[in-house]
Amino acid sequence: MRREGNIINHKAVQRLMGCLSLKAAIKIKRYKSYKGEVGRIVKNVLQRDFKVTKPNEKWVTDVTVFAVNGRKLYLSPVIDLFNNEIISYSASERPVMGIIDDMLDRAFLRLNDSVAGDSD
């Protein structure tokens, strides 16, 4: 209305919008998890060398966010680089450390030997 030159109080606009059942579209702010280098940095054992010759030699993991029916779902899998098999996974609606703990506990139950791992 202001662009057309009409001067009107914001309360009047609010009242008119209520009478017409109009609601403002609110843009949802994107979640930004990066806060710089926080905590202890773990040594990069794999050095981006993802070649393997036998199963359970190297595992990788990460947490991925999916939008499902307007909600977020956090998925944390462990993948064996030998055949890209999913060793274990855990999912949650919130990014909590518990999903990683559960996923690692289940993965290590399947493990007999030592394995090198990588995570972002």
C-alpha atoms as a PDB file:
ATOM      1  CA  MET A   1       0.000   0.000   0.000  1.00  0.00           C
ATOM      2  CA  ARG A   2       2.896   2.345   0.734  1.00  0.00           C
ATOM      3  CA  ARG A   3       4.249   1.825  -2.785  1.00  0.00           C
ATOM      4  CA  GLU A   4       0.911   3.117  -4.090  1.00  0.00           C
ATOM      5  CA  GLY A   5       1.177   6.206  -1.889  1.00  0.00           C
ATOM      6  CA  ASN A   6      -1.334   5.181   0.809  1.00  0.00           C
ATOM      7  CA  ILE A   7      -0.320   5.904   4.383  1.00  0.00           C
ATOM      8  CA  ILE A   8      -1.869   3.434   6.810  1.00  0.00           C
ATOM      9  CA  ASN A   9      -1.067   2.316  10.348  1.00  0.00           C
ATOM     10  CA  HIS A  10       0.429  -1.170  10.743  1.00  0.00           C
ATOM     11  CA  LYS A  11      -2.342  -2.076  13.194  1.00  0.00           C
ATOM     12  CA  ALA A  12      -4.978  -1.270  10.569  1.00  0.00           C
ATOM     13  CA  VAL A  13      -3.145  -3.496   8.092  1.00  0.00           C
ATOM     14  CA  GLN A  14      -3.061  -6.266  10.696  1.00  0.00           C
ATOM     15  CA  ARG A  15      -6.795  -5.891  11.365  1.00  0.00           C
ATOM     16  CA  LEU A  16      -7.670  -5.912   7.631  1.00  0.00           C
ATOM     17  CA  MET A  17      -5.499  -8.966   7.026  1.00  0.00           C
ATOM     18  CA  GLY A  18      -7.260 -10.730   9.911  1.00  0.00           C
ATOM     19  CA  CYS A  19     -10.693  -9.931   8.446  1.00  0.00           C
ATOM     20  CA  LEU A  20      -9.598 -11.322   5.067  1.00  0.00           C
ATOM     21  CA  SER A  21      -7.886 -14.366   6.645  1.00  0.00           C
ATOM     22  CA  LEU A  22      -4.558 -13.347   5.123  1.00  0.00           C
ATOM     23  CA  LYS A  23      -1.286 -14.363   6.712  1.00  0.00           C
ATOM     24  CA  ALA A  24       2.195 -13.149   5.903  1.00  0.00           C
ATOM     25  CA  ALA A  25       4.588 -15.686   4.421  1.00  0.00           C
ATOM     26  CA  ILE A  26       7.528 -15.890   6.806  1.00  0.00           C
ATOM     27  CA  LYS A  27      10.830 -16.982   5.341  1.00  0.00           C
ATOM     28  CA  ILE A  28      12.397 -19.706   7.467  1.00  0.00           C
ATOM     29  CA  LYS A  29      16.040 -19.077   8.247  1.00  0.00           C
ATOM     30  CA  ARG A  30      18.425 -21.821   7.178  1.00  0.00           C
ATOM     31  CA  TYR A  31      20.289 -23.638   9.912  1.00  0.00           C
ATOM     32  CA  LYS A  32      24.021 -22.931   9.822  1.00  0.00           C
ATOM     33  CA  SER A  33      25.956 -25.400  11.920  1.00  0.00           C
ATOM     34  CA  TYR A  34      29.486 -24.271  11.032  1.00  0.00           C
ATOM     35  CA  LYS A  35      31.075 -22.311  13.866  1.00  0.00           C
ATOM     36  CA  GLY A  36      34.732 -22.625  12.878  1.00  0.00           C
ATOM     37  CA  GLU A  37      37.136 -25.038  14.487  1.00  0.00           C
ATOM     38  CA  VAL A  38      35.525 -26.012  17.771  1.00  0.00           C
ATOM     39  CA  GLY A  39      36.974 -28.680  19.999  1.00  0.00           C
ATOM     40  CA  ARG A  40      39.772 -31.123  19.360  1.00  0.00           C
ATOM     41  CA  ILE A  41      40.743 -31.839  15.748  1.00  0.00           C
ATOM     42  CA  VAL A  42      41.265 -35.559  15.107  1.00  0.00           C
ATOM     43  CA  LYS A  43      44.199 -36.699  12.974  1.00  0.00           C
ATOM     44  CA  ASN A  44      43.267 -37.462   9.348  1.00  0.00           C
ATOM     45  CA  VAL A  45      44.325 -41.127   9.160  1.00  0.00           C
ATOM     46  CA  LEU A  46      43.064 -41.851   5.640  1.00  0.00           C
ATOM     47  CA  GLN A  47      44.516 -38.712   3.979  1.00  0.00           C
ATOM     48  CA  ARG A  48      41.778 -39.027   1.302  1.00  0.00           C
ATOM     49  CA  ASP A  49      43.152 -42.455   0.268  1.00  0.00           C
ATOM     50  CA  PHE A  50      39.883 -44.348  -0.157  1.00  0.00           C
ATOM     51  CA  LYS A  51      41.315 -47.361  -2.040  1.00  0.00           C
ATOM     52  CA  VAL A  52      40.815 -50.693  -0.274  1.00  0.00           C
ATOM     53  CA  THR A  53      41.631 -54.323  -1.090  1.00  0.00           C
ATOM     54  CA  LYS A  54      39.564 -56.211   1.483  1.00  0.00           C
ATOM     55  CA  PRO A  55      36.341 -55.806   3.493  1.00  0.00           C
ATOM     56  CA  ASN A  56      36.401 -53.891   6.792  1.00  0.00           C
ATOM     57  CA  GLU A  57      39.695 -52.217   5.913  1.00  0.00           C
ATOM     58  CA  LYS A  58      38.275 -48.666   5.876  1.00  0.00           C
ATOM     59  CA  TRP A  59      34.923 -47.310   6.983  1.00  0.00           C
ATOM     60  CA  VAL A  60      33.556 -43.795   6.460  1.00  0.00           C
ATOM     61  CA  THR A  61      30.672 -41.944   8.076  1.00  0.00           C
ATOM     62  CA  ASP A  62      28.925 -38.604   7.998  1.00  0.00           C
ATOM     63  CA  VAL A  63      25.650 -37.055   9.117  1.00  0.00           C
ATOM     64  CA  THR A  64      23.290 -36.118   6.279  1.00  0.00           C
ATOM     65  CA  VAL A  65      20.149 -33.983   6.584  1.00  0.00           C
ATOM     66  CA  PHE A  66      17.040 -34.797   4.528  1.00  0.00           C
ATOM     67  CA  ALA A  67      13.817 -32.805   4.293  1.00  0.00           C
ATOM     68  CA  VAL A  68      10.900 -35.246   4.624  1.00  0.00           C
ATOM     69  CA  ASN A  69       7.308 -33.954   4.656  1.00  0.00           C
ATOM     70  CA  GLY A  70       8.465 -30.497   5.733  1.00  0.00           C
ATOM     71  CA  ARG A  71      10.550 -31.874   8.615  1.00  0.00           C
ATOM     72  CA  LYS A  72      14.254 -32.590   8.926  1.00  0.00           C
ATOM     73  CA  LEU A  73      15.634 -36.106   9.273  1.00  0.00           C
ATOM     74  CA  TYR A  74      19.262 -36.672  10.259  1.00  0.00           C
ATOM     75  CA  LEU A  75      20.834 -39.881   8.914  1.00  0.00           C
ATOM     76  CA  SER A  76      24.195 -41.202  10.094  1.00  0.00           C
ATOM     77  CA  PRO A  77      25.465 -44.299   8.235  1.00  0.00           C
ATOM     78  CA  VAL A  78      28.760 -46.215   8.393  1.00  0.00           C
ATOM     79  CA  ILE A  79      29.858 -47.388   4.940  1.00  0.00           C
ATOM     80  CA  ASP A  80      32.529 -49.986   4.128  1.00  0.00           C
ATOM     81  CA  LEU A  81      34.647 -48.610   1.268  1.00  0.00           C
ATOM     82  CA  PHE A  82      35.384 -52.097  -0.098  1.00  0.00           C
ATOM     83  CA  ASN A  83      31.886 -52.674  -1.501  1.00  0.00           C
ATOM     84  CA  ASN A  84      29.975 -49.545  -0.344  1.00  0.00           C
ATOM     85  CA  GLU A  85      27.948 -51.710   2.033  1.00  0.00           C
ATOM     86  CA  ILE A  86      26.097 -49.887   4.786  1.00  0.00           C
ATOM     87  CA  ILE A  87      27.460 -51.481   7.953  1.00  0.00           C
ATOM     88  CA  SER A  88      25.150 -49.613  10.309  1.00  0.00           C
ATOM     89  CA  TYR A  89      22.996 -46.506  10.401  1.00  0.00           C
ATOM     90  CA  SER A  90      20.948 -44.412  12.761  1.00  0.00           C
ATOM     91  CA  ALA A  91      18.329 -41.722  12.115  1.00  0.00           C
ATOM     92  CA  SER A  92      16.777 -39.003  14.229  1.00  0.00           C
ATOM     93  CA  GLU A  93      14.674 -35.866  13.951  1.00  0.00           C
ATOM     94  CA  ARG A  94      17.278 -33.953  15.971  1.00  0.00           C
ATOM     95  CA  PRO A  95      21.065 -33.684  15.465  1.00  0.00           C
ATOM     96  CA  VAL A  96      22.123 -35.234  18.767  1.00  0.00           C
ATOM     97  CA  MET A  97      25.231 -37.234  19.620  1.00  0.00           C
ATOM     98  CA  GLY A  98      23.058 -40.216  20.542  1.00  0.00           C
ATOM     99  CA  ILE A  99      22.431 -41.132  16.894  1.00  0.00           C
ATOM    100  CA  ILE A 100      26.179 -41.387  16.302  1.00  0.00           C
ATOM    101  CA  ASP A 101      26.733 -43.400  19.479  1.00  0.00           C
ATOM    102  CA  ASP A 102      23.966 -45.866  18.525  1.00  0.00           C
ATOM    103  CA  MET A 103      25.260 -46.198  14.971  1.00  0.00           C
ATOM    104  CA  LEU A 104      28.851 -46.848  16.107  1.00  0.00           C
ATOM    105  CA  ASP A 105      27.780 -49.338  18.793  1.00  0.00           C
ATOM    106  CA  ARG A 106      25.867 -51.379  16.199  1.00  0.00           C
ATOM    107  CA  ALA A 107      28.727 -51.138  13.689  1.00  0.00           C
ATOM    108  CA  PHE A 108      31.367 -52.345  16.150  1.00  0.00           C
ATOM    109  CA  LEU A 109      29.217 -55.366  17.048  1.00  0.00           C
ATOM    110  CA  ARG A 110      29.817 -56.614  13.475  1.00  0.00           C
ATOM    111  CA  LEU A 111      33.566 -55.984  13.591  1.00  0.00           C
ATOM    112  CA  ASN A 112      36.223 -58.612  14.332  1.00  0.00           C
ATOM    113  CA  ASP A 113      39.429 -56.823  13.229  1.00  0.00           C
ATOM    114  CA  SER A 114      40.648 -53.249  13.462  1.00  0.00           C
ATOM    115  CA  VAL A 115      39.419 -50.803  10.848  1.00  0.00           C
ATOM    116  CA  ALA A 116      40.499 -47.325   9.729  1.00  0.00           C
ATOM    117  CA  GLY A 117      37.758 -44.713   9.708  1.00  0.00           C
ATOM    118  CA  ASP A 118      37.023 -41.251   8.344  1.00  0.00           C
ATOM    119  CA  SER A 119      34.346 -38.715   9.135  1.00  0.00           C
ATOM    120  CA  ASP A 120      33.703 -35.134   8.071  1.00  0.00           C
END
